[in-house]
Amino acid sequence: MREAKIERKTAETDISLSLVVDGAGKSSVDTGCGFLDHMLTLFSAHGCFDLNVACRGDVEVDFHHTVEDVGIALGEAFRAATGDRSGITRYGSVTLPMDEALVLCAADVSGRGVLRFNVPFPTEKVGDFDTELVREFWLAFVRKSDVTVHFLMIDGENSHHIAEAVFKSAARALSAALRPDPRFEGRVPSSKGVL
């Protein structure tokens, strides 16, 4: 079973995170940031990842450290859970509608952490959550997971819907990329022989 547990403690956050890649979409998320909890719950459900996250962070400052460090921990969990990545599909992409919002996410489990984030939010906040933190989360994730992820917003007017489309599309694209491919059983999907 592809799973990992991550403990991350800094002067700014204290995180306990567990991930089952081949799960059923069950989650328990408590980060102290309601909007992030909502996004991670959606991510778990739509990717069929079992995800448990508990975070105590310096949210009295703002949500930046919590969001970034949870992204780091989730990236580390994906990296640890997928090992040498032999037998995976490697690539996944989805164009996901969320009401008026339409976001494309393409993922390559390449061994290289790269983020392209072409998602202009029309507002600076959703409630008390800074929308710029959506990019910060995914930047932290790709750096630690060694996955290349491209986001492209095709349409959208509502910042909440756009953020949902980002997290849901990422969940679906990553789930597809990590799906076993029997053609690559016992080897990585790369002409180099390593990811």
Protein backbone atom coordinates (compact mmCIF):
# COMPACT_ATOMS: atom_id res chain seq x y z
CA MET A 1 0.00 0.00 0.00
CA ARG A 2 1.31 3.43 -0.94
CA GLU A 3 1.15 5.48 2.23
CA ALA A 4 3.22 7.85 4.34
CA LYS A 5 3.18 9.69 7.64
CA ILE A 6 4.88 13.04 8.05
CA GLU A 7 5.64 14.96 11.22
CA ARG A 8 6.87 18.51 10.73
CA LYS A 9 7.59 20.87 13.58
CA THR A 10 9.02 24.37 13.23
CA ALA A 11 8.87 27.57 15.24
CA GLU A 12 5.81 28.48 13.14
CA THR A 13 3.86 25.23 12.72
CA ASP A 14 3.40 21.76 14.19
CA ILE A 15 1.99 19.33 11.62
CA SER A 16 0.99 15.68 11.67
CA LEU A 17 -0.09 14.35 8.27
CA SER A 18 -0.89 10.89 6.94
CA LEU A 19 -1.65 9.97 3.35
CA VAL A 20 -2.89 6.83 1.61
CA VAL A 21 -2.53 7.29 -2.15
CA ASP A 22 -4.80 4.36 -3.00
CA GLY A 23 -7.56 5.33 -0.61
CA ALA A 24 -11.28 5.97 -0.66
CA GLY A 25 -11.31 9.75 -0.31
CA LYS A 26 -11.71 9.79 3.46
CA SER A 27 -10.29 12.75 5.31
CA SER A 28 -9.92 14.44 8.66
CA VAL A 29 -8.46 17.93 8.29
CA ASP A 30 -7.90 20.53 10.98
CA THR A 31 -5.34 23.20 10.12
CA GLY A 32 -6.80 26.20 11.94
CA CYS A 33 -7.61 27.70 8.52
CA GLY A 34 -11.17 26.91 7.48
CA PHE A 35 -10.70 27.57 3.78
CA LEU A 36 -7.60 25.37 3.59
CA ASP A 37 -9.51 22.63 5.45
CA HIS A 38 -12.24 22.89 2.82
CA MET A 39 -9.76 22.68 -0.08
CA LEU A 40 -7.91 19.69 1.37
CA THR A 41 -11.16 17.85 2.06
CA LEU A 42 -12.12 18.36 -1.61
CA PHE A 43 -8.65 17.28 -2.71
CA SER A 44 -8.94 14.07 -0.71
CA ALA A 45 -12.45 13.28 -1.96
CA HIS A 46 -11.79 13.95 -5.64
CA GLY A 47 -8.42 12.19 -5.75
CA CYS A 48 -9.62 9.23 -3.64
CA PHE A 49 -6.71 9.93 -1.31
CA ASP A 50 -7.14 9.16 2.39
CA LEU A 51 -5.77 12.23 4.14
CA ASN A 52 -5.44 13.16 7.78
CA VAL A 53 -3.98 16.54 8.68
CA ALA A 54 -3.61 18.22 12.05
CA CYS A 55 -1.78 21.53 12.15
CA ARG A 56 -1.22 24.10 14.85
CA GLY A 57 0.27 27.22 13.33
CA ASP A 58 0.79 30.90 14.01
CA VAL A 59 -2.56 31.83 12.49
CA GLU A 60 -2.68 34.90 14.71
CA VAL A 61 -0.05 36.31 12.31
CA ASP A 62 -1.82 35.13 9.15
CA PHE A 63 -2.34 31.85 7.30
CA HIS A 64 0.86 31.97 5.23
CA HIS A 65 3.05 29.67 7.33
CA THR A 66 0.25 27.16 7.88
CA VAL A 67 -0.64 26.96 4.19
CA GLU A 68 2.98 26.73 3.01
CA ASP A 69 4.01 24.16 5.63
CA VAL A 70 0.99 21.95 5.01
CA GLY A 71 1.90 22.07 1.30
CA ILE A 72 5.45 21.02 2.21
CA ALA A 73 4.20 18.15 4.38
CA LEU A 74 1.76 16.93 1.74
CA GLY A 75 4.49 17.05 -0.90
CA GLU A 76 6.82 15.07 1.36
CA ALA A 77 4.06 12.52 1.93
CA PHE A 78 3.44 12.05 -1.79
CA ARG A 79 7.18 11.68 -2.39
CA ALA A 80 7.58 9.11 0.39
CA ALA A 81 4.42 7.15 -0.48
CA THR A 82 5.30 6.68 -4.14
CA GLY A 83 8.86 5.37 -3.72
CA ASP A 84 10.77 4.95 -6.98
CA ARG A 85 7.49 5.43 -8.87
CA SER A 86 7.87 2.29 -10.93
CA GLY A 87 4.72 1.05 -12.61
CA ILE A 88 2.86 4.37 -12.60
CA THR A 89 1.14 6.10 -15.51
CA ARG A 90 3.30 9.21 -14.81
CA TYR A 91 1.12 11.77 -16.62
CA GLY A 92 -2.35 13.00 -15.77
CA SER A 93 -4.45 15.94 -16.82
CA VAL A 94 -7.99 17.17 -16.40
CA THR A 95 -9.97 20.23 -17.34
CA LEU A 96 -12.39 20.72 -14.49
CA PRO A 97 -15.51 22.89 -14.40
CA MET A 98 -16.72 24.36 -11.13
CA ASP A 99 -19.79 26.40 -11.99
CA GLU A 100 -18.48 29.30 -14.11
CA ALA A 101 -14.82 28.47 -13.37
CA LEU A 102 -12.84 26.21 -15.67
CA VAL A 103 -9.30 25.15 -14.72
CA LEU A 104 -6.89 22.80 -16.45
CA CYS A 105 -4.35 20.90 -14.39
CA ALA A 106 -1.64 18.74 -15.96
CA ALA A 107 0.76 16.73 -13.79
CA ASP A 108 3.97 14.89 -14.60
CA VAL A 109 5.42 12.73 -11.83
CA SER A 110 8.80 13.50 -13.31
CA GLY A 111 11.21 13.75 -10.41
CA ARG A 112 11.38 17.49 -11.03
CA GLY A 113 9.37 19.91 -8.94
CA VAL A 114 8.11 22.62 -11.28
CA LEU A 115 5.01 24.80 -10.96
CA ARG A 116 3.35 26.86 -13.65
CA PHE A 117 0.39 28.71 -12.15
CA ASN A 118 -1.61 30.79 -14.61
CA VAL A 119 -4.61 31.40 -12.36
CA PRO A 120 -5.51 35.07 -11.89
CA PHE A 121 -7.87 35.46 -8.94
CA PRO A 122 -10.34 38.35 -9.30
CA THR A 123 -10.26 39.10 -5.55
CA GLU A 124 -7.46 39.22 -3.00
CA LYS A 125 -9.43 37.28 -0.40
CA VAL A 126 -12.04 34.58 0.05
CA GLY A 127 -13.36 35.35 3.52
CA ASP A 128 -10.22 35.77 5.63
CA PHE A 129 -8.06 33.67 3.25
CA ASP A 130 -5.57 35.40 0.93
CA THR A 131 -6.06 33.95 -2.54
CA GLU A 132 -2.32 34.33 -3.28
CA LEU A 133 -1.81 31.48 -0.81
CA VAL A 134 -3.29 28.98 -3.28
CA ARG A 135 -0.16 29.39 -5.41
CA GLU A 136 2.07 29.25 -2.32
CA PHE A 137 0.52 25.93 -1.32
CA TRP A 138 1.16 24.33 -4.71
CA LEU A 139 4.67 25.78 -4.96
CA ALA A 140 5.54 24.17 -1.62
CA PHE A 141 3.91 20.91 -2.75
CA VAL A 142 5.82 20.58 -6.05
CA ARG A 143 9.17 21.41 -4.45
CA LYS A 144 8.84 18.51 -2.00
CA SER A 145 6.93 16.00 -4.14
CA ASP A 146 9.21 16.26 -7.19
CA VAL A 147 6.15 16.59 -9.42
CA THR A 148 5.66 19.06 -12.27
CA VAL A 149 2.21 20.68 -12.13
CA HIS A 150 0.69 23.15 -14.58
CA PHE A 151 -2.48 25.10 -13.80
CA LEU A 152 -4.28 27.16 -16.41
CA MET A 153 -7.49 29.01 -15.67
CA ILE A 154 -9.59 29.02 -18.84
CA ASP A 155 -12.54 30.87 -17.32
CA GLY A 156 -13.75 32.07 -13.95
CA GLU A 157 -15.29 34.97 -12.05
CA ASN A 158 -15.72 33.73 -8.48
CA SER A 159 -12.51 33.29 -6.46
CA HIS A 160 -13.97 30.53 -4.29
CA HIS A 161 -15.02 28.54 -7.35
CA ILE A 162 -11.64 29.09 -9.00
CA ALA A 163 -9.77 27.82 -5.93
CA GLU A 164 -12.03 24.77 -5.77
CA ALA A 165 -11.37 24.04 -9.43
CA VAL A 166 -7.61 24.27 -8.76
CA PHE A 167 -7.67 21.75 -5.90
CA LYS A 168 -10.17 19.39 -7.53
CA SER A 169 -8.34 19.39 -10.87
CA ALA A 170 -5.03 18.73 -9.11
CA ALA A 171 -6.56 15.82 -7.22
CA ARG A 172 -7.88 14.24 -10.41
CA ALA A 173 -4.68 14.84 -12.40
CA LEU A 174 -2.42 13.46 -9.64
CA SER A 175 -4.67 10.45 -9.13
CA ALA A 176 -4.49 9.68 -12.86
CA ALA A 177 -0.71 10.16 -12.98
CA LEU A 178 -0.13 7.84 -10.02
CA ARG A 179 -2.48 5.13 -11.30
CA PRO A 180 -0.71 1.83 -11.97
CA ASP A 181 0.05 1.12 -15.63
CA PRO A 182 0.72 -2.59 -16.23
CA ARG A 183 2.88 -1.75 -19.24
CA PHE A 184 5.42 -0.21 -16.84
CA GLU A 185 5.22 -2.90 -14.16
CA GLY A 186 8.58 -3.18 -12.43
CA ARG A 187 10.08 -0.17 -14.17
CA VAL A 188 9.69 3.57 -14.24
CA PRO A 189 7.98 5.26 -17.20
CA SER A 190 11.10 6.99 -18.51
CA SER A 191 13.59 6.29 -21.29
CA LYS A 192 16.30 7.24 -18.76
CA GLY A 193 15.32 4.41 -16.44
CA VAL A 194 14.90 6.75 -13.48
CA LEU A 195 12.57 9.59 -12.48
